[in-house]
PDB file of N, CA and C in Angstrom:
ATOM      1  N   UNK A   1      19.527  -0.871 -34.282  1.00  0.00           N
ATOM      2  CA  UNK A   1      19.208  -0.357 -32.967  1.00  0.00           C
ATOM      3  C   UNK A   1      19.159  -1.502 -31.949  1.00  0.00           C
ATOM      4  N   UNK A   2      18.647  -2.647 -32.395  1.00  0.00           N
ATOM      5  CA  UNK A   2      18.556  -3.806 -31.514  1.00  0.00           C
ATOM      6  C   UNK A   2      19.946  -4.257 -31.068  1.00  0.00           C
ATOM      7  N   UNK A   3      20.891  -4.252 -31.999  1.00  0.00           N
ATOM      8  CA  UNK A   3      22.254  -4.676 -31.675  1.00  0.00           C
ATOM      9  C   UNK A   3      22.951  -3.654 -30.780  1.00  0.00           C
ATOM     10  N   UNK A   4      22.640  -2.391 -30.972  1.00  0.00           N
ATOM     11  CA  UNK A   4      23.221  -1.349 -30.130  1.00  0.00           C
ATOM     12  C   UNK A   4      22.741  -1.496 -28.684  1.00  0.00           C
ATOM     13  N   UNK A   5      21.462  -1.773 -28.501  1.00  0.00           N
ATOM     14  CA  UNK A   5      20.934  -1.984 -27.153  1.00  0.00           C
ATOM     15  C   UNK A   5      21.540  -3.240 -26.522  1.00  0.00           C
ATOM     16  N   UNK A   6      21.727  -4.287 -27.319  1.00  0.00           N
ATOM     17  CA  UNK A   6      22.341  -5.506 -26.805  1.00  0.00           C
ATOM     18  C   UNK A   6      23.774  -5.221 -26.364  1.00  0.00           C
ATOM     19  N   UNK A   7      24.485  -4.460 -27.163  1.00  0.00           N
ATOM     20  CA  UNK A   7      25.863  -4.105 -26.831  1.00  0.00           C
ATOM     21  C   UNK A   7      25.927  -3.241 -25.571  1.00  0.00           C
ATOM     22  N   UNK A   8      25.008  -2.305 -25.437  1.00  0.00           N
ATOM     23  CA  UNK A   8      24.954  -1.458 -24.248  1.00  0.00           C
ATOM     24  C   UNK A   8      24.647  -2.293 -23.003  1.00  0.00           C
ATOM     25  N   UNK A   9      23.693  -3.212 -23.108  1.00  0.00           N
ATOM     26  CA  UNK A   9      23.372  -4.082 -21.972  1.00  0.00           C
ATOM     27  C   UNK A   9      24.558  -4.965 -21.602  1.00  0.00           C
ATOM     28  N   UNK A  10      25.266  -5.478 -22.598  1.00  0.00           N
ATOM     29  CA  UNK A  10      26.439  -6.306 -22.329  1.00  0.00           C
ATOM     30  C   UNK A  10      27.530  -5.491 -21.636  1.00  0.00           C
ATOM     31  N   UNK A  11      27.727  -4.249 -22.060  1.00  0.00           N
ATOM     32  CA  UNK A  11      28.736  -3.392 -21.431  1.00  0.00           C
ATOM     33  C   UNK A  11      28.364  -3.085 -19.980  1.00  0.00           C
ATOM     34  N   UNK A  12      27.096  -2.796 -19.738  1.00  0.00           N
ATOM     35  CA  UNK A  12      26.647  -2.528 -18.365  1.00  0.00           C
ATOM     36  C   UNK A  12      26.833  -3.768 -17.498  1.00  0.00           C
ATOM     37  N   UNK A  13      26.479  -4.937 -18.032  1.00  0.00           N
ATOM     38  CA  UNK A  13      26.661  -6.179 -17.281  1.00  0.00           C
ATOM     39  C   UNK A  13      28.134  -6.410 -16.966  1.00  0.00           C
ATOM     40  N   UNK A  14      29.004  -6.178 -17.940  1.00  0.00           N
ATOM     41  CA  UNK A  14      30.435  -6.381 -17.724  1.00  0.00           C
ATOM     42  C   UNK A  14      30.972  -5.448 -16.644  1.00  0.00           C
ATOM     43  N   UNK A  15      30.557  -4.195 -16.672  1.00  0.00           N
ATOM     44  CA  UNK A  15      31.019  -3.232 -15.670  1.00  0.00           C
ATOM     45  C   UNK A  15      30.528  -3.637 -14.279  1.00  0.00           C
ATOM     46  N   UNK A  16      29.262  -4.027 -14.174  1.00  0.00           N
ATOM     47  CA  UNK A  16      28.735  -4.439 -12.875  1.00  0.00           C
ATOM     48  C   UNK A  16      29.389  -5.729 -12.380  1.00  0.00           C
ATOM     49  N   UNK A  17      29.666  -6.651 -13.299  1.00  0.00           N
ATOM     50  CA  UNK A  17      30.323  -7.898 -12.926  1.00  0.00           C
ATOM     51  C   UNK A  17      31.747  -7.628 -12.439  1.00  0.00           C
ATOM     52  N   UNK A  18      32.457  -6.747 -13.131  1.00  0.00           N
ATOM     53  CA  UNK A  18      33.812  -6.386 -12.703  1.00  0.00           C
ATOM     54  C   UNK A  18      33.776  -5.682 -11.348  1.00  0.00           C
ATOM     55  N   UNK A  19      32.774  -4.833 -11.133  1.00  0.00           N
ATOM     56  CA  UNK A  19      32.612  -4.163  -9.843  1.00  0.00           C
ATOM     57  C   UNK A  19      32.396  -5.190  -8.736  1.00  0.00           C
ATOM     58  N   UNK A  20      31.564  -6.188  -9.010  1.00  0.00           N
ATOM     59  CA  UNK A  20      31.294  -7.225  -8.009  1.00  0.00           C
ATOM     60  C   UNK A  20      32.549  -8.039  -7.707  1.00  0.00           C
ATOM     61  N   UNK A  21      33.329  -8.345  -8.732  1.00  0.00           N
ATOM     62  CA  UNK A  21      34.557  -9.114  -8.508  1.00  0.00           C
ATOM     63  C   UNK A  21      35.588  -8.324  -7.714  1.00  0.00           C
ATOM     64  N   UNK A  22      35.618  -7.014  -7.903  1.00  0.00           N
ATOM     65  CA  UNK A  22      36.599  -6.183  -7.205  1.00  0.00           C
ATOM     66  C   UNK A  22      36.184  -5.835  -5.779  1.00  0.00           C
ATOM     67  N   UNK A  23      34.925  -6.079  -5.418  1.00  0.00           N
ATOM     68  CA  UNK A  23      34.436  -5.697  -4.091  1.00  0.00           C
ATOM     69  C   UNK A  23      33.879  -6.901  -3.343  1.00  0.00           C
ATOM     70  N   UNK A  24      34.684  -7.933  -3.225  1.00  0.00           N
ATOM     71  CA  UNK A  24      34.255  -9.122  -2.498  1.00  0.00           C
ATOM     72  C   UNK A  24      34.654  -9.077  -1.031  1.00  0.00           C
ATOM     73  N   UNK A  25      35.267  -8.002  -0.605  1.00  0.00           N
ATOM     74  CA  UNK A  25      35.685  -7.893   0.790  1.00  0.00           C
ATOM     75  C   UNK A  25      34.466  -7.927   1.704  1.00  0.00           C
ATOM     76  N   UNK A  26      34.654  -8.473   2.867  1.00  0.00           N
ATOM     77  CA  UNK A  26      33.582  -8.569   3.844  1.00  0.00           C
ATOM     78  C   UNK A  26      33.509  -7.273   4.645  1.00  0.00           C
ATOM     79  N   UNK A  27      32.305  -6.780   4.853  1.00  0.00           N
ATOM     80  CA  UNK A  27      32.095  -5.577   5.654  1.00  0.00           C
ATOM     81  C   UNK A  27      31.186  -5.937   6.822  1.00  0.00           C
ATOM     82  N   UNK A  28      31.312  -5.188   7.878  1.00  0.00           N
ATOM     83  CA  UNK A  28      30.488  -5.411   9.062  1.00  0.00           C
ATOM     84  C   UNK A  28      29.526  -4.248   9.211  1.00  0.00           C
ATOM     85  N   UNK A  29      28.255  -4.555   9.263  1.00  0.00           N
ATOM     86  CA  UNK A  29      27.236  -3.544   9.519  1.00  0.00           C
ATOM     87  C   UNK A  29      26.881  -3.602  10.993  1.00  0.00           C
ATOM     88  N   UNK A  30      27.036  -2.498  11.671  1.00  0.00           N
ATOM     89  CA  UNK A  30      26.686  -2.422  13.090  1.00  0.00           C
ATOM     90  C   UNK A  30      25.265  -1.895  13.181  1.00  0.00           C
ATOM     91  N   UNK A  31      24.361  -2.764  13.598  1.00  0.00           N
ATOM     92  CA  UNK A  31      22.946  -2.434  13.680  1.00  0.00           C
ATOM     93  C   UNK A  31      22.615  -1.928  15.079  1.00  0.00           C
ATOM     94  N   UNK A  32      21.346  -1.769  15.363  1.00  0.00           N
ATOM     95  CA  UNK A  32      20.907  -1.274  16.664  1.00  0.00           C
ATOM     96  C   UNK A  32      21.097  -2.332  17.748  1.00  0.00           C
ATOM     97  N   UNK A  33      21.198  -1.885  18.985  1.00  0.00           N
ATOM     98  CA  UNK A  33      21.279  -2.721  20.185  1.00  0.00           C
ATOM     99  C   UNK A  33      22.472  -3.670  20.150  1.00  0.00           C
ATOM    100  N   UNK A  34      23.563  -3.248  19.564  1.00  0.00           N
ATOM    101  CA  UNK A  34      24.788  -4.024  19.570  1.00  0.00           C
ATOM    102  C   UNK A  34      24.838  -5.167  18.572  1.00  0.00           C
ATOM    103  N   UNK A  35      23.824  -5.314  17.756  1.00  0.00           N
ATOM    104  CA  UNK A  35      23.823  -6.385  16.757  1.00  0.00           C
ATOM    105  C   UNK A  35      24.711  -5.979  15.586  1.00  0.00           C
ATOM    106  N   UNK A  36      25.334  -6.966  14.969  1.00  0.00           N
ATOM    107  CA  UNK A  36      26.162  -6.693  13.793  1.00  0.00           C
ATOM    108  C   UNK A  36      25.939  -7.797  12.768  1.00  0.00           C
ATOM    109  N   UNK A  37      26.252  -7.464  11.519  1.00  0.00           N
ATOM    110  CA  UNK A  37      26.039  -8.404  10.422  1.00  0.00           C
ATOM    111  C   UNK A  37      27.210  -8.272   9.467  1.00  0.00           C
ATOM    112  N   UNK A  38      27.806  -9.392   9.102  1.00  0.00           N
ATOM    113  CA  UNK A  38      28.909  -9.387   8.143  1.00  0.00           C
ATOM    114  C   UNK A  38      28.413  -9.936   6.817  1.00  0.00           C
ATOM    115  N   UNK A  39      28.767  -9.223   5.742  1.00  0.00           N
ATOM    116  CA  UNK A  39      28.365  -9.640   4.403  1.00  0.00           C
ATOM    117  C   UNK A  39      29.348  -9.046   3.404  1.00  0.00           C
ATOM    118  N   UNK A  40      29.401  -9.608   2.196  1.00  0.00           N
ATOM    119  CA  UNK A  40      30.244  -9.006   1.155  1.00  0.00           C
ATOM    120  C   UNK A  40      29.737  -7.605   0.795  1.00  0.00           C
ATOM    121  N   UNK A  41      30.654  -6.740   0.440  1.00  0.00           N
ATOM    122  CA  UNK A  41      30.304  -5.359   0.114  1.00  0.00           C
ATOM    123  C   UNK A  41      29.303  -5.286  -1.032  1.00  0.00           C
ATOM    124  N   UNK A  42      29.457  -6.148  -2.030  1.00  0.00           N
ATOM    125  CA  UNK A  42      28.547  -6.134  -3.170  1.00  0.00           C
ATOM    126  C   UNK A  42      27.128  -6.449  -2.725  1.00  0.00           C
ATOM    127  N   UNK A  43      26.974  -7.389  -1.812  1.00  0.00           N
ATOM    128  CA  UNK A  43      25.647  -7.749  -1.318  1.00  0.00           C
ATOM    129  C   UNK A  43      25.020  -6.587  -0.556  1.00  0.00           C
ATOM    130  N   UNK A  44      25.809  -5.899   0.237  1.00  0.00           N
ATOM    131  CA  UNK A  44      25.307  -4.743   0.981  1.00  0.00           C
ATOM    132  C   UNK A  44      24.856  -3.649   0.014  1.00  0.00           C
ATOM    133  N   UNK A  45      25.637  -3.392  -1.019  1.00  0.00           N
ATOM    134  CA  UNK A  45      25.273  -2.369  -2.007  1.00  0.00           C
ATOM    135  C   UNK A  45      24.018  -2.784  -2.767  1.00  0.00           C
ATOM    136  N   UNK A  46      23.917  -4.060  -3.137  1.00  0.00           N
ATOM    137  CA  UNK A  46      22.738  -4.549  -3.851  1.00  0.00           C
ATOM    138  C   UNK A  46      21.489  -4.440  -2.989  1.00  0.00           C
ATOM    139  N   UNK A  47      21.592  -4.789  -1.720  1.00  0.00           N
ATOM    140  CA  UNK A  47      20.440  -4.675  -0.819  1.00  0.00           C
ATOM    141  C   UNK A  47      20.031  -3.214  -0.661  1.00  0.00           C
ATOM    142  N   UNK A  48      20.999  -2.308  -0.545  1.00  0.00           N
ATOM    143  CA  UNK A  48      20.689  -0.881  -0.439  1.00  0.00           C
ATOM    144  C   UNK A  48      19.995  -0.385  -1.704  1.00  0.00           C
ATOM    145  N   UNK A  49      20.432  -0.852  -2.869  1.00  0.00           N
ATOM    146  CA  UNK A  49      19.800  -0.457  -4.129  1.00  0.00           C
ATOM    147  C   UNK A  49      18.363  -0.957  -4.197  1.00  0.00           C
ATOM    148  N   UNK A  50      18.152  -2.221  -3.851  1.00  0.00           N
ATOM    149  CA  UNK A  50      16.802  -2.796  -3.902  1.00  0.00           C
ATOM    150  C   UNK A  50      15.880  -2.092  -2.912  1.00  0.00           C
ATOM    151  N   UNK A  51      16.365  -1.824  -1.703  1.00  0.00           N
ATOM    152  CA  UNK A  51      15.545  -1.109  -0.725  1.00  0.00           C
ATOM    153  C   UNK A  51      15.223   0.311  -1.188  1.00  0.00           C
ATOM    154  N   UNK A  52      16.169   0.972  -1.834  1.00  0.00           N
ATOM    155  CA  UNK A  52      15.921   2.316  -2.350  1.00  0.00           C
ATOM    156  C   UNK A  52      14.877   2.331  -3.451  1.00  0.00           C
ATOM    157  N   UNK A  53      14.954   1.370  -4.359  1.00  0.00           N
ATOM    158  CA  UNK A  53      13.955   1.281  -5.429  1.00  0.00           C
ATOM    159  C   UNK A  53      12.583   0.979  -4.838  1.00  0.00           C
ATOM    160  N   UNK A  54      12.530   0.040  -3.900  1.00  0.00           N
ATOM    161  CA  UNK A  54      11.262  -0.319  -3.264  1.00  0.00           C
ATOM    162  C   UNK A  54      10.661   0.875  -2.542  1.00  0.00           C
ATOM    163  N   UNK A  55      11.477   1.611  -1.803  1.00  0.00           N
ATOM    164  CA  UNK A  55      10.995   2.786  -1.085  1.00  0.00           C
ATOM    165  C   UNK A  55      10.504   3.863  -2.055  1.00  0.00           C
ATOM    166  N   UNK A  56      11.210   4.051  -3.163  1.00  0.00           N
ATOM    167  CA  UNK A  56      10.772   5.016  -4.168  1.00  0.00           C
ATOM    168  C   UNK A  56       9.436   4.647  -4.780  1.00  0.00           C
ATOM    169  N   UNK A  57       9.232   3.362  -5.057  1.00  0.00           N
ATOM    170  CA  UNK A  57       7.953   2.911  -5.622  1.00  0.00           C
ATOM    171  C   UNK A  57       6.831   3.104  -4.608  1.00  0.00           C
ATOM    172  N   UNK A  58       7.092   2.776  -3.345  1.00  0.00           N
ATOM    173  CA  UNK A  58       6.069   2.929  -2.313  1.00  0.00           C
ATOM    174  C   UNK A  58       5.680   4.394  -2.147  1.00  0.00           C
ATOM    175  N   UNK A  59       6.645   5.289  -2.201  1.00  0.00           N
ATOM    176  CA  UNK A  59       6.350   6.716  -2.048  1.00  0.00           C
ATOM    177  C   UNK A  59       5.583   7.248  -3.261  1.00  0.00           C
ATOM    178  N   UNK A  60       5.917   6.772  -4.464  1.00  0.00           N
ATOM    179  CA  UNK A  60       5.269   7.273  -5.680  1.00  0.00           C
ATOM    180  C   UNK A  60       3.928   6.609  -5.974  1.00  0.00           C
ATOM    181  N   UNK A  61       3.637   5.472  -5.355  1.00  0.00           N
ATOM    182  CA  UNK A  61       2.431   4.714  -5.668  1.00  0.00           C
ATOM    183  C   UNK A  61       1.142   5.521  -5.498  1.00  0.00           C
ATOM    184  N   UNK A  62       0.938   6.280  -4.409  1.00  0.00           N
ATOM    185  CA  UNK A  62      -0.300   7.071  -4.318  1.00  0.00           C
ATOM    186  C   UNK A  62      -0.451   8.082  -5.454  1.00  0.00           C
ATOM    187  N   UNK A  63       0.647   8.705  -5.867  1.00  0.00           N
ATOM    188  CA  UNK A  63       0.564   9.668  -6.970  1.00  0.00           C
ATOM    189  C   UNK A  63       0.217   8.973  -8.280  1.00  0.00           C
ATOM    190  N   UNK A  64       0.815   7.814  -8.528  1.00  0.00           N
ATOM    191  CA  UNK A  64       0.514   7.071  -9.751  1.00  0.00           C
ATOM    192  C   UNK A  64      -0.943   6.621  -9.767  1.00  0.00           C
ATOM    193  N   UNK A  65      -1.436   6.137  -8.630  1.00  0.00           N
ATOM    194  CA  UNK A  65      -2.829   5.686  -8.572  1.00  0.00           C
ATOM    195  C   UNK A  65      -3.793   6.852  -8.760  1.00  0.00           C
ATOM    196  N   UNK A  66      -3.482   7.997  -8.162  1.00  0.00           N
ATOM    197  CA  UNK A  66      -4.335   9.174  -8.325  1.00  0.00           C
ATOM    198  C   UNK A  66      -4.357   9.629  -9.783  1.00  0.00           C
ATOM    199  N   UNK A  67      -3.205   9.626 -10.440  1.00  0.00           N
ATOM    200  CA  UNK A  67      -3.145  10.021 -11.851  1.00  0.00           C
ATOM    201  C   UNK A  67      -3.887   9.018 -12.723  1.00  0.00           C
ATOM    202  N   UNK A  68      -3.766   7.730 -12.405  1.00  0.00           N
ATOM    203  CA  UNK A  68      -4.472   6.701 -13.180  1.00  0.00           C
ATOM    204  C   UNK A  68      -5.981   6.867 -13.025  1.00  0.00           C
ATOM    205  N   UNK A  69      -6.433   7.129 -11.799  1.00  0.00           N
ATOM    206  CA  UNK A  69      -7.858   7.326 -11.553  1.00  0.00           C
ATOM    207  C   UNK A  69      -8.369   8.560 -12.296  1.00  0.00           C
ATOM    208  N   UNK A  70      -7.608   9.650 -12.273  1.00  0.00           N
ATOM    209  CA  UNK A  70      -8.019  10.872 -12.971  1.00  0.00           C
ATOM    210  C   UNK A  70      -8.050  10.655 -14.476  1.00  0.00           C
ATOM    211  N   UNK A  71      -7.075   9.921 -15.005  1.00  0.00           N
ATOM    212  CA  UNK A  71      -7.045   9.642 -16.439  1.00  0.00           C
ATOM    213  C   UNK A  71      -8.238   8.785 -16.848  1.00  0.00           C
ATOM    214  N   UNK A  72      -8.585   7.814 -15.998  1.00  0.00           N
ATOM    215  CA  UNK A  72      -9.720   6.948 -16.305  1.00  0.00           C
ATOM    216  C   UNK A  72     -11.023   7.744 -16.252  1.00  0.00           C
ATOM    217  N   UNK A  73     -11.178   8.632 -15.254  1.00  0.00           N
ATOM    218  CA  UNK A  73     -12.380   9.452 -15.159  1.00  0.00           C
ATOM    219  C   UNK A  73     -12.466  10.430 -16.316  1.00  0.00           C
ATOM    220  N   UNK A  74     -11.329  10.983 -16.723  1.00  0.00           N
ATOM    221  CA  UNK A  74     -11.318  11.904 -17.854  1.00  0.00           C
ATOM    222  C   UNK A  74     -11.718  11.182 -19.135  1.00  0.00           C
ATOM    223  N   UNK A  75     -11.245   9.969 -19.310  1.00  0.00           N
ATOM    224  CA  UNK A  75     -11.604   9.194 -20.494  1.00  0.00           C
ATOM    225  C   UNK A  75     -13.083   8.878 -20.522  1.00  0.00           C
ATOM    226  N   UNK A  76     -13.674   8.590 -19.356  1.00  0.00           N
ATOM    227  CA  UNK A  76     -15.104   8.295 -19.299  1.00  0.00           C
ATOM    228  C   UNK A  76     -15.918   9.540 -19.616  1.00  0.00           C
ATOM    229  N   UNK A  77     -15.512  10.702 -19.100  1.00  0.00           N
ATOM    230  CA  UNK A  77     -16.269  11.922 -19.377  1.00  0.00           C
ATOM    231  C   UNK A  77     -16.108  12.343 -20.834  1.00  0.00           C
ATOM    232  N   UNK A  78     -14.944  12.102 -21.429  1.00  0.00           N
ATOM    233  CA  UNK A  78     -14.749  12.454 -22.835  1.00  0.00           C
ATOM    234  C   UNK A  78     -15.567  11.546 -23.736  1.00  0.00           C
ATOM    235  N   UNK A  79     -15.713  10.279 -23.377  1.00  0.00           N
ATOM    236  CA  UNK A  79     -16.502   9.378 -24.214  1.00  0.00           C
ATOM    237  C   UNK A  79     -17.986   9.686 -24.091  1.00  0.00           C
ATOM    238  N   UNK A  80     -18.423  10.229 -22.937  1.00  0.00           N
ATOM    239  CA  UNK A  80     -19.831  10.591 -22.780  1.00  0.00           C
ATOM    240  C   UNK A  80     -20.172  11.809 -23.623  1.00  0.00           C
ATOM    241  N   UNK A  81     -19.204  12.704 -23.834  1.00  0.00           N
ATOM    242  CA  UNK A  81     -19.461  13.898 -24.633  1.00  0.00           C
ATOM    243  C   UNK A  81     -19.647  13.556 -26.102  1.00  0.00           C
ATOM    244  N   UNK A  82     -18.914  12.589 -26.579  1.00  0.00           N
ATOM    245  CA  UNK A  82     -19.029  12.190 -27.976  1.00  0.00           C
ATOM    246  C   UNK A  82     -18.403  13.208 -28.900  1.00  0.00           C
ATOM    247  N   UNK A  83     -18.875  13.262 -30.122  1.00  0.00           N
ATOM    248  CA  UNK A  83     -18.358  14.188 -31.130  1.00  0.00           C
ATOM    249  C   UNK A  83     -19.264  15.405 -31.211  1.00  0.00           C
ATOM    250  N   UNK A  84     -19.120  16.313 -30.281  1.00  0.00           N
ATOM    251  CA  UNK A  84     -19.913  17.536 -30.308  1.00  0.00           C
ATOM    252  C   UNK A  84     -19.060  18.655 -30.865  1.00  0.00           C
ATOM    253  N   UNK A  85     -19.675  19.545 -31.588  1.00  0.00           N
ATOM    254  CA  UNK A  85     -18.937  20.682 -32.137  1.00  0.00           C
ATOM    255  C   UNK A  85     -19.092  21.868 -31.194  1.00  0.00           C
ATOM    256  N   UNK A  86     -18.088  22.736 -31.179  1.00  0.00           N
ATOM    257  CA  UNK A  86     -18.082  23.899 -30.303  1.00  0.00           C
ATOM    258  C   UNK A  86     -18.594  25.099 -31.081  1.00  0.00           C
ATOM    259  N   UNK A  87     -19.688  25.702 -30.603  1.00  0.00           N
ATOM    260  CA  UNK A  87     -20.254  26.885 -31.252  1.00  0.00           C
ATOM    261  C   UNK A  87     -20.211  28.094 -30.323  1.00  0.00           C
ATOM    262  N   UNK A  88     -19.388  28.069 -29.318  1.00  0.00           N
ATOM    263  CA  UNK A  88     -19.358  29.131 -28.324  1.00  0.00           C
ATOM    264  C   UNK A  88     -18.417  30.262 -28.690  1.00  0.00           C
ATOM    265  N   UNK A  89     -18.131  31.084 -27.705  1.00  0.00           N
ATOM    266  CA  UNK A  89     -17.278  32.251 -27.861  1.00  0.00           C
ATOM    267  C   UNK A  89     -15.814  31.809 -27.895  1.00  0.00           C
ATOM    268  N   UNK A  90     -15.074  32.237 -28.904  1.00  0.00           N
ATOM    269  CA  UNK A  90     -13.664  31.862 -29.031  1.00  0.00           C
ATOM    270  C   UNK A  90     -12.733  32.967 -28.569  1.00  0.00           C
ATOM    271  N   UNK A  91     -13.258  34.007 -27.900  1.00  0.00           N
ATOM    272  CA  UNK A  91     -12.396  35.111 -27.484  1.00  0.00           C
ATOM    273  C   UNK A  91     -11.441  34.687 -26.362  1.00  0.00           C
ATOM    274  N   UNK A  92     -11.765  33.655 -25.639  1.00  0.00           N
ATOM    275  CA  UNK A  92     -10.908  33.190 -24.557  1.00  0.00           C
ATOM    276  C   UNK A  92      -9.928  32.122 -25.007  1.00  0.00           C
ATOM    277  N   UNK A  93      -9.950  31.775 -26.263  1.00  0.00           N
ATOM    278  CA  UNK A  93      -9.057  30.738 -26.781  1.00  0.00           C
ATOM    279  C   UNK A  93      -7.653  31.324 -26.923  1.00  0.00           C
ATOM    280  N   UNK A  94      -6.601  30.543 -26.673  1.00  0.00           N
ATOM    281  CA  UNK A  94      -5.239  31.055 -26.830  1.00  0.00           C
ATOM    282  C   UNK A  94      -4.913  31.272 -28.305  1.00  0.00           C
ATOM    283  N   UNK A  95      -3.961  32.161 -28.584  1.00  0.00           N
ATOM    284  CA  UNK A  95      -3.596  32.395 -29.984  1.00  0.00           C
ATOM    285  C   UNK A  95      -2.931  31.147 -30.566  1.00  0.00           C
ATOM    286  N   UNK A  96      -3.004  30.990 -31.877  1.00  0.00           N
ATOM    287  CA  UNK A  96      -2.369  29.814 -32.489  1.00  0.00           C
ATOM    288  C   UNK A  96      -0.854  29.873 -32.324  1.00  0.00           C
ATOM    289  N   UNK A  97      -0.248  28.716 -32.188  1.00  0.00           N
ATOM    290  CA  UNK A  97       1.203  28.660 -32.030  1.00  0.00           C
ATOM    291  C   UNK A  97       1.869  28.804 -33.386  1.00  0.00           C
ATOM    292  N   UNK A  98       3.021  29.481 -33.432  1.00  0.00           N
ATOM    293  CA  UNK A  98       3.714  29.645 -34.715  1.00  0.00           C
ATOM    294  C   UNK A  98       4.310  28.317 -35.180  1.00  0.00           C
ATOM    295  N   UNK A  99       4.382  28.158 -36.482  1.00  0.00           N
ATOM    296  CA  UNK A  99       4.974  26.955 -37.054  1.00  0.00           C
ATOM    297  C   UNK A  99       6.475  27.136 -37.178  1.00  0.00           C
ATOM    298  N   UNK A 100       7.176  26.043 -37.239  1.00  0.00           N
ATOM    299  CA  UNK A 100       8.623  26.112 -37.398  1.00  0.00           C
ATOM    300  C   UNK A 100       9.329  26.034 -36.063  1.00  0.00           C
ATOM    301  N   UNK A 101      10.575  26.402 -36.087  1.00  0.00           N
ATOM    302  CA  UNK A 101      11.410  26.300 -34.892  1.00  0.00           C
ATOM    303  C   UNK A 101      11.102  27.434 -33.930  1.00  0.00           C
ATOM    304  N   UNK A 102      10.907  27.071 -32.666  1.00  0.00           N
ATOM    305  CA  UNK A 102      10.644  28.075 -31.642  1.00  0.00           C
ATOM    306  C   UNK A 102      11.924  28.339 -30.870  1.00  0.00           C
ATOM    307  N   UNK A 103      12.168  29.593 -30.541  1.00  0.00           N
ATOM    308  CA  UNK A 103      13.366  29.972 -29.811  1.00  0.00           C
ATOM    309  C   UNK A 103      13.030  30.118 -28.334  1.00  0.00           C
ATOM    310  N   UNK A 104      14.041  30.019 -27.506  1.00  0.00           N
ATOM    311  CA  UNK A 104      13.850  30.175 -26.074  1.00  0.00           C
ATOM    312  C   UNK A 104      13.578  28.841 -25.418  1.00  0.00           C
ATOM    313  N   UNK A 105      13.075  28.920 -24.222  1.00  0.00           N
ATOM    314  CA  UNK A 105      12.783  27.708 -23.470  1.00  0.00           C
ATOM    315  C   UNK A 105      11.457  27.245 -23.897  1.00  0.00           C
TER     316      UNK A 105
END
């Protein structure tokens, strides 16, 4: 499995390297207020990728922090309960799931 992952990473690197070699043409980005910037196409694509990943992380960060906080609070409340046994009413408990292969979604 280790060699398969190494081979996959090498193939991805080769494809990206070939893409970079084939796209060395200079492009002009026309920015606001008449400003323009010339850069290789690969650099423009790489910057767009990095900005997209950064923006995705920034947007998801509040959700990740909220989930982490809830998980930590849940762990604290579960440790406070300890090993208690349930002696209550089981009529509201869901039916047991069937064993074996389940059909459908």
